[in-house]
Amino acid sequence: MTLLVSIVSWASLVLGGLFCIVGAIGLLRMPDFYTRMHAASVIETLGAGLILLGLALQAGFTLITVKLLMLGLLILFVSPTATHALARAAMVRGVKHLAVEEKSSSKP
């Protein structure tokens, strides 16, 4: 493995780990359902994607890389779809957004 591939791989792994940590903190700290759901989608899409990219670079051109790329494609397509379906179900169910709650509580 060349030095450049190693540096890019570790940078991707560290950056993916940081996105996961920031997303997990956001998941705990955000005030309402929709913003928490956004933090969860950041963890899934950016964090996991960068970690999978870093692992694929470390594995080289092997069957493991093909499996990691297939997993990455699955996450790339399924995660936004699941997040959208969850948000739509919450809207249909009547879960209010924080901005809607603030407007309704400020009226006399």
PDB file of N, CA and C in Angstrom:
ATOM      1  N   MET A   1       0.850  -1.169   0.000  1.00  0.00           N
ATOM      2  CA  MET A   1       0.000   0.000   0.000  1.00  0.00           C
ATOM      3  C   MET A   1       0.898   1.235   0.000  1.00  0.00           C
ATOM      4  N   THR A   2       0.595   2.141  -0.887  1.00  0.00           N
ATOM      5  CA  THR A   2       1.416   3.340  -0.966  1.00  0.00           C
ATOM      6  C   THR A   2       1.089   4.296   0.171  1.00  0.00           C
ATOM      7  N   LEU A   3       1.967   5.216   0.372  1.00  0.00           N
ATOM      8  CA  LEU A   3       1.790   6.178   1.458  1.00  0.00           C
ATOM      9  C   LEU A   3       0.562   7.047   1.231  1.00  0.00           C
ATOM     10  N   LEU A   4       0.314   7.460  -0.008  1.00  0.00           N
ATOM     11  CA  LEU A   4      -0.832   8.312  -0.307  1.00  0.00           C
ATOM     12  C   LEU A   4      -2.150   7.594  -0.031  1.00  0.00           C
ATOM     13  N   VAL A   5      -2.258   6.325  -0.445  1.00  0.00           N
ATOM     14  CA  VAL A   5      -3.475   5.552  -0.198  1.00  0.00           C
ATOM     15  C   VAL A   5      -3.673   5.350   1.297  1.00  0.00           C
ATOM     16  N   SER A   6      -2.596   5.125   2.013  1.00  0.00           N
ATOM     17  CA  SER A   6      -2.678   4.946   3.457  1.00  0.00           C
ATOM     18  C   SER A   6      -3.152   6.226   4.151  1.00  0.00           C
ATOM     19  N   ILE A   7      -2.631   7.355   3.728  1.00  0.00           N
ATOM     20  CA  ILE A   7      -3.037   8.634   4.318  1.00  0.00           C
ATOM     21  C   ILE A   7      -4.503   8.925   4.023  1.00  0.00           C
ATOM     22  N   VAL A   8      -4.925   8.722   2.785  1.00  0.00           N
ATOM     23  CA  VAL A   8      -6.323   8.968   2.417  1.00  0.00           C
ATOM     24  C   VAL A   8      -7.243   8.007   3.160  1.00  0.00           C
ATOM     25  N   SER A   9      -6.815   6.762   3.306  1.00  0.00           N
ATOM     26  CA  SER A   9      -7.614   5.769   4.008  1.00  0.00           C
ATOM     27  C   SER A   9      -7.804   6.145   5.470  1.00  0.00           C
ATOM     28  N   TRP A  10      -6.724   6.489   6.144  1.00  0.00           N
ATOM     29  CA  TRP A  10      -6.836   6.857   7.550  1.00  0.00           C
ATOM     30  C   TRP A  10      -7.593   8.163   7.736  1.00  0.00           C
ATOM     31  N   ALA A  11      -7.416   9.107   6.815  1.00  0.00           N
ATOM     32  CA  ALA A  11      -8.181  10.355   6.904  1.00  0.00           C
ATOM     33  C   ALA A  11      -9.668  10.079   6.753  1.00  0.00           C
ATOM     34  N   SER A  12     -10.010   9.182   5.854  1.00  0.00           N
ATOM     35  CA  SER A  12     -11.410   8.819   5.659  1.00  0.00           C
ATOM     36  C   SER A  12     -11.982   8.113   6.890  1.00  0.00           C
ATOM     37  N   LEU A  13     -11.195   7.214   7.475  1.00  0.00           N
ATOM     38  CA  LEU A  13     -11.643   6.513   8.682  1.00  0.00           C
ATOM     39  C   LEU A  13     -11.838   7.476   9.855  1.00  0.00           C
ATOM     40  N   VAL A  14     -10.886   8.384  10.037  1.00  0.00           N
ATOM     41  CA  VAL A  14     -10.988   9.339  11.144  1.00  0.00           C
ATOM     42  C   VAL A  14     -12.146  10.302  10.918  1.00  0.00           C
ATOM     43  N   LEU A  15     -12.284  10.795   9.700  1.00  0.00           N
ATOM     44  CA  LEU A  15     -13.381  11.712   9.398  1.00  0.00           C
ATOM     45  C   LEU A  15     -14.734  11.024   9.543  1.00  0.00           C
ATOM     46  N   GLY A  16     -14.835   9.784   9.101  1.00  0.00           N
ATOM     47  CA  GLY A  16     -16.063   9.027   9.280  1.00  0.00           C
ATOM     48  C   GLY A  16     -16.385   8.804  10.745  1.00  0.00           C
ATOM     49  N   GLY A  17     -15.357   8.514  11.540  1.00  0.00           N
ATOM     50  CA  GLY A  17     -15.560   8.366  12.982  1.00  0.00           C
ATOM     51  C   GLY A  17     -16.012   9.661  13.633  1.00  0.00           C
ATOM     52  N   LEU A  18     -15.434  10.780  13.189  1.00  0.00           N
ATOM     53  CA  LEU A  18     -15.856  12.080  13.721  1.00  0.00           C
ATOM     54  C   LEU A  18     -17.305  12.391  13.361  1.00  0.00           C
ATOM     55  N   PHE A  19     -17.700  12.083  12.120  1.00  0.00           N
ATOM     56  CA  PHE A  19     -19.104  12.287  11.735  1.00  0.00           C
ATOM     57  C   PHE A  19     -20.027  11.432  12.589  1.00  0.00           C
ATOM     58  N   CYS A  20     -19.624  10.210  12.884  1.00  0.00           N
ATOM     59  CA  CYS A  20     -20.445   9.335  13.730  1.00  0.00           C
ATOM     60  C   CYS A  20     -20.566   9.885  15.144  1.00  0.00           C
ATOM     61  N   ILE A  21     -19.463  10.401  15.687  1.00  0.00           N
ATOM     62  CA  ILE A  21     -19.495  10.965  17.037  1.00  0.00           C
ATOM     63  C   ILE A  21     -20.351  12.219  17.080  1.00  0.00           C
ATOM     64  N   VAL A  22     -20.159  13.110  16.109  1.00  0.00           N
ATOM     65  CA  VAL A  22     -20.957  14.344  16.067  1.00  0.00           C
ATOM     66  C   VAL A  22     -22.436  14.017  15.861  1.00  0.00           C
ATOM     67  N   GLY A  23     -22.735  13.053  14.997  1.00  0.00           N
ATOM     68  CA  GLY A  23     -24.121  12.654  14.789  1.00  0.00           C
ATOM     69  C   GLY A  23     -24.739  12.033  16.019  1.00  0.00           C
ATOM     70  N   ALA A  24     -23.968  11.249  16.754  1.00  0.00           N
ATOM     71  CA  ALA A  24     -24.489  10.646  17.981  1.00  0.00           C
ATOM     72  C   ALA A  24     -24.743  11.702  19.051  1.00  0.00           C
ATOM     73  N   ILE A  25     -23.852  12.678  19.154  1.00  0.00           N
ATOM     74  CA  ILE A  25     -24.083  13.782  20.092  1.00  0.00           C
ATOM     75  C   ILE A  25     -25.318  14.564  19.664  1.00  0.00           C
ATOM     76  N   GLY A  26     -25.447  14.803  18.362  1.00  0.00           N
ATOM     77  CA  GLY A  26     -26.631  15.497  17.862  1.00  0.00           C
ATOM     78  C   GLY A  26     -27.905  14.712  18.119  1.00  0.00           C
ATOM     79  N   LEU A  27     -27.815  13.408  18.037  1.00  0.00           N
ATOM     80  CA  LEU A  27     -28.971  12.558  18.305  1.00  0.00           C
ATOM     81  C   LEU A  27     -29.433  12.708  19.751  1.00  0.00           C
ATOM     82  N   LEU A  28     -28.482  12.900  20.644  1.00  0.00           N
ATOM     83  CA  LEU A  28     -28.831  13.069  22.054  1.00  0.00           C
ATOM     84  C   LEU A  28     -29.253  14.494  22.396  1.00  0.00           C
ATOM     85  N   ARG A  29     -28.691  15.479  21.713  1.00  0.00           N
ATOM     86  CA  ARG A  29     -28.886  16.876  22.103  1.00  0.00           C
ATOM     87  C   ARG A  29     -29.995  17.615  21.361  1.00  0.00           C
ATOM     88  N   MET A  30     -30.411  17.130  20.225  1.00  0.00           N
ATOM     89  CA  MET A  30     -31.403  17.853  19.433  1.00  0.00           C
ATOM     90  C   MET A  30     -32.758  17.869  20.147  1.00  0.00           C
ATOM     91  N   PRO A  31     -33.525  18.948  19.937  1.00  0.00           N
ATOM     92  CA  PRO A  31     -34.737  19.126  20.739  1.00  0.00           C
ATOM     93  C   PRO A  31     -35.976  18.367  20.273  1.00  0.00           C
ATOM     94  N   ASP A  32     -36.108  18.059  18.999  1.00  0.00           N
ATOM     95  CA  ASP A  32     -37.340  17.408  18.561  1.00  0.00           C
ATOM     96  C   ASP A  32     -37.043  16.235  17.633  1.00  0.00           C
ATOM     97  N   PHE A  33     -38.089  15.543  17.255  1.00  0.00           N
ATOM     98  CA  PHE A  33     -37.973  14.313  16.488  1.00  0.00           C
ATOM     99  C   PHE A  33     -37.312  14.523  15.134  1.00  0.00           C
ATOM    100  N   TYR A  34     -37.698  15.555  14.422  1.00  0.00           N
ATOM    101  CA  TYR A  34     -37.211  15.757  13.059  1.00  0.00           C
ATOM    102  C   TYR A  34     -35.728  16.112  13.029  1.00  0.00           C
ATOM    103  N   THR A  35     -35.260  16.920  13.950  1.00  0.00           N
ATOM    104  CA  THR A  35     -33.836  17.245  13.976  1.00  0.00           C
ATOM    105  C   THR A  35     -33.012  16.048  14.448  1.00  0.00           C
ATOM    106  N   ARG A  36     -33.562  15.239  15.331  1.00  0.00           N
ATOM    107  CA  ARG A  36     -32.875  14.000  15.729  1.00  0.00           C
ATOM    108  C   ARG A  36     -32.775  13.041  14.548  1.00  0.00           C
ATOM    109  N   MET A  37     -33.824  12.999  13.768  1.00  0.00           N
ATOM    110  CA  MET A  37     -33.817  12.131  12.599  1.00  0.00           C
ATOM    111  C   MET A  37     -32.756  12.595  11.585  1.00  0.00           C
ATOM    112  N   HIS A  38     -32.566  13.899  11.471  1.00  0.00           N
ATOM    113  CA  HIS A  38     -31.528  14.430  10.594  1.00  0.00           C
ATOM    114  C   HIS A  38     -30.146  14.008  11.092  1.00  0.00           C
ATOM    115  N   ALA A  39     -29.933  14.090  12.390  1.00  0.00           N
ATOM    116  CA  ALA A  39     -28.647  13.667  12.949  1.00  0.00           C
ATOM    117  C   ALA A  39     -28.404  12.181  12.696  1.00  0.00           C
ATOM    118  N   ALA A  40     -29.436  11.379  12.805  1.00  0.00           N
ATOM    119  CA  ALA A  40     -29.290   9.939  12.547  1.00  0.00           C
ATOM    120  C   ALA A  40     -28.957   9.676  11.083  1.00  0.00           C
ATOM    121  N   SER A  41     -29.524  10.452  10.184  1.00  0.00           N
ATOM    122  CA  SER A  41     -29.229  10.240   8.767  1.00  0.00           C
ATOM    123  C   SER A  41     -27.795  10.664   8.435  1.00  0.00           C
ATOM    124  N   VAL A  42     -27.264  11.644   9.158  1.00  0.00           N
ATOM    125  CA  VAL A  42     -25.862  12.037   8.961  1.00  0.00           C
ATOM    126  C   VAL A  42     -24.943  10.901   9.388  1.00  0.00           C
ATOM    127  N   ILE A  43     -25.281  10.254  10.508  1.00  0.00           N
ATOM    128  CA  ILE A  43     -24.478   9.123  10.971  1.00  0.00           C
ATOM    129  C   ILE A  43     -24.470   8.035   9.911  1.00  0.00           C
ATOM    130  N   GLU A  44     -25.636   7.698   9.400  1.00  0.00           N
ATOM    131  CA  GLU A  44     -25.736   6.589   8.453  1.00  0.00           C
ATOM    132  C   GLU A  44     -25.052   6.910   7.124  1.00  0.00           C
ATOM    133  N   THR A  45     -25.332   8.066   6.582  1.00  0.00           N
ATOM    134  CA  THR A  45     -24.851   8.356   5.237  1.00  0.00           C
ATOM    135  C   THR A  45     -23.381   8.768   5.224  1.00  0.00           C
ATOM    136  N   LEU A  46     -23.030   9.820   5.921  1.00  0.00           N
ATOM    137  CA  LEU A  46     -21.657  10.319   5.866  1.00  0.00           C
ATOM    138  C   LEU A  46     -20.694   9.489   6.701  1.00  0.00           C
ATOM    139  N   GLY A  47     -21.060   9.222   7.935  1.00  0.00           N
ATOM    140  CA  GLY A  47     -20.157   8.483   8.813  1.00  0.00           C
ATOM    141  C   GLY A  47     -19.859   7.089   8.309  1.00  0.00           C
ATOM    142  N   ALA A  48     -20.906   6.330   8.063  1.00  0.00           N
ATOM    143  CA  ALA A  48     -20.711   4.953   7.596  1.00  0.00           C
ATOM    144  C   ALA A  48     -20.090   4.926   6.201  1.00  0.00           C
ATOM    145  N   GLY A  49     -20.463   5.858   5.347  1.00  0.00           N
ATOM    146  CA  GLY A  49     -19.898   5.902   3.995  1.00  0.00           C
ATOM    147  C   GLY A  49     -18.406   6.157   4.000  1.00  0.00           C
ATOM    148  N   LEU A  50     -17.978   7.108   4.819  1.00  0.00           N
ATOM    149  CA  LEU A  50     -16.540   7.392   4.887  1.00  0.00           C
ATOM    150  C   LEU A  50     -15.762   6.247   5.534  1.00  0.00           C
ATOM    151  N   ILE A  51     -16.343   5.611   6.527  1.00  0.00           N
ATOM    152  CA  ILE A  51     -15.675   4.467   7.144  1.00  0.00           C
ATOM    153  C   ILE A  51     -15.549   3.329   6.141  1.00  0.00           C
ATOM    154  N   LEU A  52     -16.617   3.067   5.393  1.00  0.00           N
ATOM    155  CA  LEU A  52     -16.544   2.014   4.381  1.00  0.00           C
ATOM    156  C   LEU A  52     -15.523   2.349   3.292  1.00  0.00           C
ATOM    157  N   LEU A  53     -15.436   3.607   2.904  1.00  0.00           N
ATOM    158  CA  LEU A  53     -14.435   4.021   1.919  1.00  0.00           C
ATOM    159  C   LEU A  53     -13.022   3.791   2.441  1.00  0.00           C
ATOM    160  N   GLY A  54     -12.786   4.173   3.698  1.00  0.00           N
ATOM    161  CA  GLY A  54     -11.473   3.955   4.291  1.00  0.00           C
ATOM    162  C   GLY A  54     -11.116   2.484   4.391  1.00  0.00           C
ATOM    163  N   LEU A  55     -12.093   1.654   4.744  1.00  0.00           N
ATOM    164  CA  LEU A  55     -11.835   0.214   4.814  1.00  0.00           C
ATOM    165  C   LEU A  55     -11.578  -0.376   3.434  1.00  0.00           C
ATOM    166  N   ALA A  56     -12.302   0.116   2.432  1.00  0.00           N
ATOM    167  CA  ALA A  56     -12.090  -0.375   1.069  1.00  0.00           C
ATOM    168  C   ALA A  56     -10.694  -0.001   0.563  1.00  0.00           C
ATOM    169  N   LEU A  57     -10.241   1.200   0.902  1.00  0.00           N
ATOM    170  CA  LEU A  57      -8.894   1.596   0.500  1.00  0.00           C
ATOM    171  C   LEU A  57      -7.833   0.754   1.200  1.00  0.00           C
ATOM    172  N   GLN A  58      -8.081   0.394   2.432  1.00  0.00           N
ATOM    173  CA  GLN A  58      -7.122  -0.439   3.167  1.00  0.00           C
ATOM    174  C   GLN A  58      -7.093  -1.868   2.637  1.00  0.00           C
ATOM    175  N   ALA A  59      -8.239  -2.365   2.162  1.00  0.00           N
ATOM    176  CA  ALA A  59      -8.312  -3.748   1.696  1.00  0.00           C
ATOM    177  C   ALA A  59      -7.666  -3.924   0.330  1.00  0.00           C
ATOM    178  N   GLY A  60      -7.547  -2.864  -0.442  1.00  0.00           N
ATOM    179  CA  GLY A  60      -6.980  -2.992  -1.793  1.00  0.00           C
ATOM    180  C   GLY A  60      -8.034  -3.520  -2.755  1.00  0.00           C
ATOM    181  N   PHE A  61      -7.604  -4.032  -3.893  1.00  0.00           N
ATOM    182  CA  PHE A  61      -8.542  -4.541  -4.896  1.00  0.00           C
ATOM    183  C   PHE A  61      -8.777  -6.033  -4.660  1.00  0.00           C
ATOM    184  N   THR A  62      -9.689  -6.324  -3.738  1.00  0.00           N
ATOM    185  CA  THR A  62     -10.009  -7.707  -3.407  1.00  0.00           C
ATOM    186  C   THR A  62     -11.522  -7.884  -3.396  1.00  0.00           C
ATOM    187  N   LEU A  63     -11.954  -9.081  -3.088  1.00  0.00           N
ATOM    188  CA  LEU A  63     -13.385  -9.359  -2.959  1.00  0.00           C
ATOM    189  C   LEU A  63     -13.982  -8.600  -1.774  1.00  0.00           C
ATOM    190  N   ILE A  64     -13.186  -8.353  -0.767  1.00  0.00           N
ATOM    191  CA  ILE A  64     -13.644  -7.580   0.392  1.00  0.00           C
ATOM    192  C   ILE A  64     -14.045  -6.174  -0.038  1.00  0.00           C
ATOM    193  N   THR A  65     -13.281  -5.576  -0.926  1.00  0.00           N
ATOM    194  CA  THR A  65     -13.605  -4.236  -1.414  1.00  0.00           C
ATOM    195  C   THR A  65     -14.930  -4.232  -2.167  1.00  0.00           C
ATOM    196  N   VAL A  66     -15.172  -5.247  -2.958  1.00  0.00           N
ATOM    197  CA  VAL A  66     -16.441  -5.342  -3.685  1.00  0.00           C
ATOM    198  C   VAL A  66     -17.592  -5.453  -2.699  1.00  0.00           C
ATOM    199  N   LYS A  67     -17.417  -6.246  -1.659  1.00  0.00           N
ATOM    200  CA  LYS A  67     -18.464  -6.385  -0.647  1.00  0.00           C
ATOM    201  C   LYS A  67     -18.703  -5.073   0.093  1.00  0.00           C
ATOM    202  N   LEU A  68     -17.631  -4.360   0.421  1.00  0.00           N
ATOM    203  CA  LEU A  68     -17.766  -3.072   1.101  1.00  0.00           C
ATOM    204  C   LEU A  68     -18.456  -2.037   0.216  1.00  0.00           C
ATOM    205  N   LEU A  69     -18.135  -2.034  -1.067  1.00  0.00           N
ATOM    206  CA  LEU A  69     -18.786  -1.102  -1.988  1.00  0.00           C
ATOM    207  C   LEU A  69     -20.268  -1.432  -2.170  1.00  0.00           C
ATOM    208  N   MET A  70     -20.594  -2.721  -2.199  1.00  0.00           N
ATOM    209  CA  MET A  70     -22.008  -3.111  -2.287  1.00  0.00           C
ATOM    210  C   MET A  70     -22.764  -2.678  -1.025  1.00  0.00           C
ATOM    211  N   LEU A  71     -22.138  -2.836   0.116  1.00  0.00           N
ATOM    212  CA  LEU A  71     -22.744  -2.387   1.362  1.00  0.00           C
ATOM    213  C   LEU A  71     -22.916  -0.867   1.366  1.00  0.00           C
ATOM    214  N   GLY A  72     -21.910  -0.165   0.851  1.00  0.00           N
ATOM    215  CA  GLY A  72     -22.011   1.290   0.752  1.00  0.00           C
ATOM    216  C   GLY A  72     -23.131   1.731  -0.170  1.00  0.00           C
ATOM    217  N   LEU A  73     -23.298   1.055  -1.303  1.00  0.00           N
ATOM    218  CA  LEU A  73     -24.411   1.381  -2.202  1.00  0.00           C
ATOM    219  C   LEU A  73     -25.756   1.111  -1.550  1.00  0.00           C
ATOM    220  N   LEU A  74     -25.832   0.022  -0.809  1.00  0.00           N
ATOM    221  CA  LEU A  74     -27.072  -0.285  -0.099  1.00  0.00           C
ATOM    222  C   LEU A  74     -27.411   0.808   0.906  1.00  0.00           C
ATOM    223  N   ILE A  75     -26.420   1.234   1.674  1.00  0.00           N
ATOM    224  CA  ILE A  75     -26.641   2.308   2.646  1.00  0.00           C
ATOM    225  C   ILE A  75     -27.003   3.605   1.930  1.00  0.00           C
ATOM    226  N   LEU A  76     -26.339   3.886   0.828  1.00  0.00           N
ATOM    227  CA  LEU A  76     -26.582   5.124   0.083  1.00  0.00           C
ATOM    228  C   LEU A  76     -28.016   5.215  -0.428  1.00  0.00           C
ATOM    229  N   PHE A  77     -28.589   4.098  -0.849  1.00  0.00           N
ATOM    230  CA  PHE A  77     -29.953   4.124  -1.379  1.00  0.00           C
ATOM    231  C   PHE A  77     -31.023   3.903  -0.316  1.00  0.00           C
ATOM    232  N   VAL A  78     -30.758   3.069   0.660  1.00  0.00           N
ATOM    233  CA  VAL A  78     -31.786   2.712   1.636  1.00  0.00           C
ATOM    234  C   VAL A  78     -31.931   3.765   2.732  1.00  0.00           C
ATOM    235  N   SER A  79     -30.833   4.347   3.179  1.00  0.00           N
ATOM    236  CA  SER A  79     -30.880   5.282   4.293  1.00  0.00           C
ATOM    237  C   SER A  79     -31.741   6.523   4.015  1.00  0.00           C
ATOM    238  N   PRO A  80     -31.568   7.234   2.913  1.00  0.00           N
ATOM    239  CA  PRO A  80     -32.441   8.383   2.665  1.00  0.00           C
ATOM    240  C   PRO A  80     -33.906   7.980   2.468  1.00  0.00           C
ATOM    241  N   THR A  81     -34.128   6.828   1.868  1.00  0.00           N
ATOM    242  CA  THR A  81     -35.497   6.355   1.668  1.00  0.00           C
ATOM    243  C   THR A  81     -36.157   6.043   3.006  1.00  0.00           C
ATOM    244  N   ALA A  82     -35.433   5.388   3.892  1.00  0.00           N
ATOM    245  CA  ALA A  82     -35.981   5.067   5.211  1.00  0.00           C
ATOM    246  C   ALA A  82     -36.209   6.336   6.035  1.00  0.00           C
ATOM    247  N   THR A  83     -35.308   7.292   5.933  1.00  0.00           N
ATOM    248  CA  THR A  83     -35.475   8.552   6.652  1.00  0.00           C
ATOM    249  C   THR A  83     -36.694   9.304   6.147  1.00  0.00           C
ATOM    250  N   HIS A  84     -36.879   9.317   4.836  1.00  0.00           N
ATOM    251  CA  HIS A  84     -38.050   9.973   4.264  1.00  0.00           C
ATOM    252  C   HIS A  84     -39.336   9.282   4.706  1.00  0.00           C
ATOM    253  N   ALA A  85     -39.352   7.966   4.685  1.00  0.00           N
ATOM    254  CA  ALA A  85     -40.547   7.224   5.102  1.00  0.00           C
ATOM    255  C   ALA A  85     -40.845   7.468   6.579  1.00  0.00           C
ATOM    256  N   LEU A  86     -39.822   7.537   7.404  1.00  0.00           N
ATOM    257  CA  LEU A  86     -40.010   7.796   8.821  1.00  0.00           C
ATOM    258  C   LEU A  86     -40.548   9.205   9.066  1.00  0.00           C
ATOM    259  N   ALA A  87     -40.015  10.186   8.336  1.00  0.00           N
ATOM    260  CA  ALA A  87     -40.505  11.564   8.469  1.00  0.00           C
ATOM    261  C   ALA A  87     -41.944  11.680   7.993  1.00  0.00           C
ATOM    262  N   ARG A  88     -42.255  11.016   6.904  1.00  0.00           N
ATOM    263  CA  ARG A  88     -43.634  11.051   6.386  1.00  0.00           C
ATOM    264  C   ARG A  88     -44.605  10.393   7.370  1.00  0.00           C
ATOM    265  N   ALA A  89     -44.212   9.280   7.948  1.00  0.00           N
ATOM    266  CA  ALA A  89     -45.066   8.609   8.930  1.00  0.00           C
ATOM    267  C   ALA A  89     -45.273   9.487  10.159  1.00  0.00           C
ATOM    268  N   ALA A  90     -44.229  10.205  10.571  1.00  0.00           N
ATOM    269  CA  ALA A  90     -44.356  11.100  11.719  1.00  0.00           C
ATOM    270  C   ALA A  90     -45.288  12.265  11.393  1.00  0.00           C
ATOM    271  N   MET A  91     -45.205  12.800  10.171  1.00  0.00           N
ATOM    272  CA  MET A  91     -46.093  13.897   9.787  1.00  0.00           C
ATOM    273  C   MET A  91     -47.542  13.439   9.732  1.00  0.00           C
ATOM    274  N   VAL A  92     -47.772  12.262   9.161  1.00  0.00           N
ATOM    275  CA  VAL A  92     -49.129  11.734   9.086  1.00  0.00           C
ATOM    276  C   VAL A  92     -49.680  11.463  10.489  1.00  0.00           C
ATOM    277  N   ARG A  93     -48.811  11.018  11.363  1.00  0.00           N
ATOM    278  CA  ARG A  93     -49.200  10.696  12.742  1.00  0.00           C
ATOM    279  C   ARG A  93     -49.457  11.955  13.566  1.00  0.00           C
ATOM    280  N   GLY A  94     -48.927  13.104  13.127  1.00  0.00           N
ATOM    281  CA  GLY A  94     -49.174  14.361  13.821  1.00  0.00           C
ATOM    282  C   GLY A  94     -48.052  14.820  14.729  1.00  0.00           C
ATOM    283  N   VAL A  95     -46.869  14.287  14.557  1.00  0.00           N
ATOM    284  CA  VAL A  95     -45.726  14.737  15.353  1.00  0.00           C
ATOM    285  C   VAL A  95     -45.366  16.139  14.877  1.00  0.00           C
ATOM    286  N   LYS A  96     -45.381  17.103  15.809  1.00  0.00           N
ATOM    287  CA  LYS A  96     -45.146  18.492  15.430  1.00  0.00           C
ATOM    288  C   LYS A  96     -43.653  18.803  15.413  1.00  0.00           C
ATOM    289  N   HIS A  97     -43.304  19.695  14.513  1.00  0.00           N
ATOM    290  CA  HIS A  97     -41.942  20.214  14.418  1.00  0.00           C
ATOM    291  C   HIS A  97     -41.773  21.285  15.483  1.00  0.00           C
ATOM    292  N   LEU A  98     -40.552  21.515  15.940  1.00  0.00           N
ATOM    293  CA  LEU A  98     -40.278  22.479  16.995  1.00  0.00           C
ATOM    294  C   LEU A  98     -40.752  23.879  16.613  1.00  0.00           C
ATOM    295  N   ALA A  99     -40.574  24.286  15.360  1.00  0.00           N
ATOM    296  CA  ALA A  99     -40.998  25.613  14.924  1.00  0.00           C
ATOM    297  C   ALA A  99     -42.513  25.750  15.007  1.00  0.00           C
ATOM    298  N   VAL A 100     -43.253  24.699  14.716  1.00  0.00           N
ATOM    299  CA  VAL A 100     -44.711  24.732  14.811  1.00  0.00           C
ATOM    300  C   VAL A 100     -45.130  24.814  16.270  1.00  0.00           C
ATOM    301  N   GLU A 101     -44.442  24.107  17.156  1.00  0.00           N
ATOM    302  CA  GLU A 101     -44.760  24.162  18.580  1.00  0.00           C
ATOM    303  C   GLU A 101     -44.500  25.537  19.147  1.00  0.00           C
ATOM    304  N   GLU A 102     -43.415  26.213  18.718  1.00  0.00           N
ATOM    305  CA  GLU A 102     -43.103  27.546  19.226  1.00  0.00           C
ATOM    306  C   GLU A 102     -44.129  28.568  18.767  1.00  0.00           C
ATOM    307  N   LYS A 103     -44.588  28.470  17.525  1.00  0.00           N
ATOM    308  CA  LYS A 103     -45.582  29.404  17.020  1.00  0.00           C
ATOM    309  C   LYS A 103     -46.910  29.230  17.743  1.00  0.00           C
ATOM    310  N   SER A 104     -47.318  27.989  17.989  1.00  0.00           N
ATOM    311  CA  SER A 104     -48.603  27.753  18.632  1.00  0.00           C
ATOM    312  C   SER A 104     -48.561  28.127  20.106  1.00  0.00           C
ATOM    313  N   SER A 105     -47.398  28.028  20.761  1.00  0.00           N
ATOM    314  CA  SER A 105     -47.315  28.374  22.178  1.00  0.00           C
ATOM    315  C   SER A 105     -47.188  29.882  22.389  1.00  0.00           C
ATOM    316  N   SER A 106     -46.777  30.643  21.382  1.00  0.00           N
ATOM    317  CA  SER A 106     -46.626  32.088  21.552  1.00  0.00           C
ATOM    318  C   SER A 106     -47.940  32.833  21.327  1.00  0.00           C
ATOM    319  N   LYS A 107     -48.936  32.176  20.728  1.00  0.00           N
ATOM    320  CA  LYS A 107     -50.229  32.827  20.526  1.00  0.00           C
ATOM    321  C   LYS A 107     -51.044  32.772  21.818  1.00  0.00           C
ATOM    322  N   PRO A 108     -51.778  33.853  22.118  1.00  0.00           N
ATOM    323  CA  PRO A 108     -52.573  33.848  23.352  1.00  0.00           C
ATOM    324  C   PRO A 108     -53.806  33.002  23.270  1.00  0.00           C
TER     325      PRO A 108
END
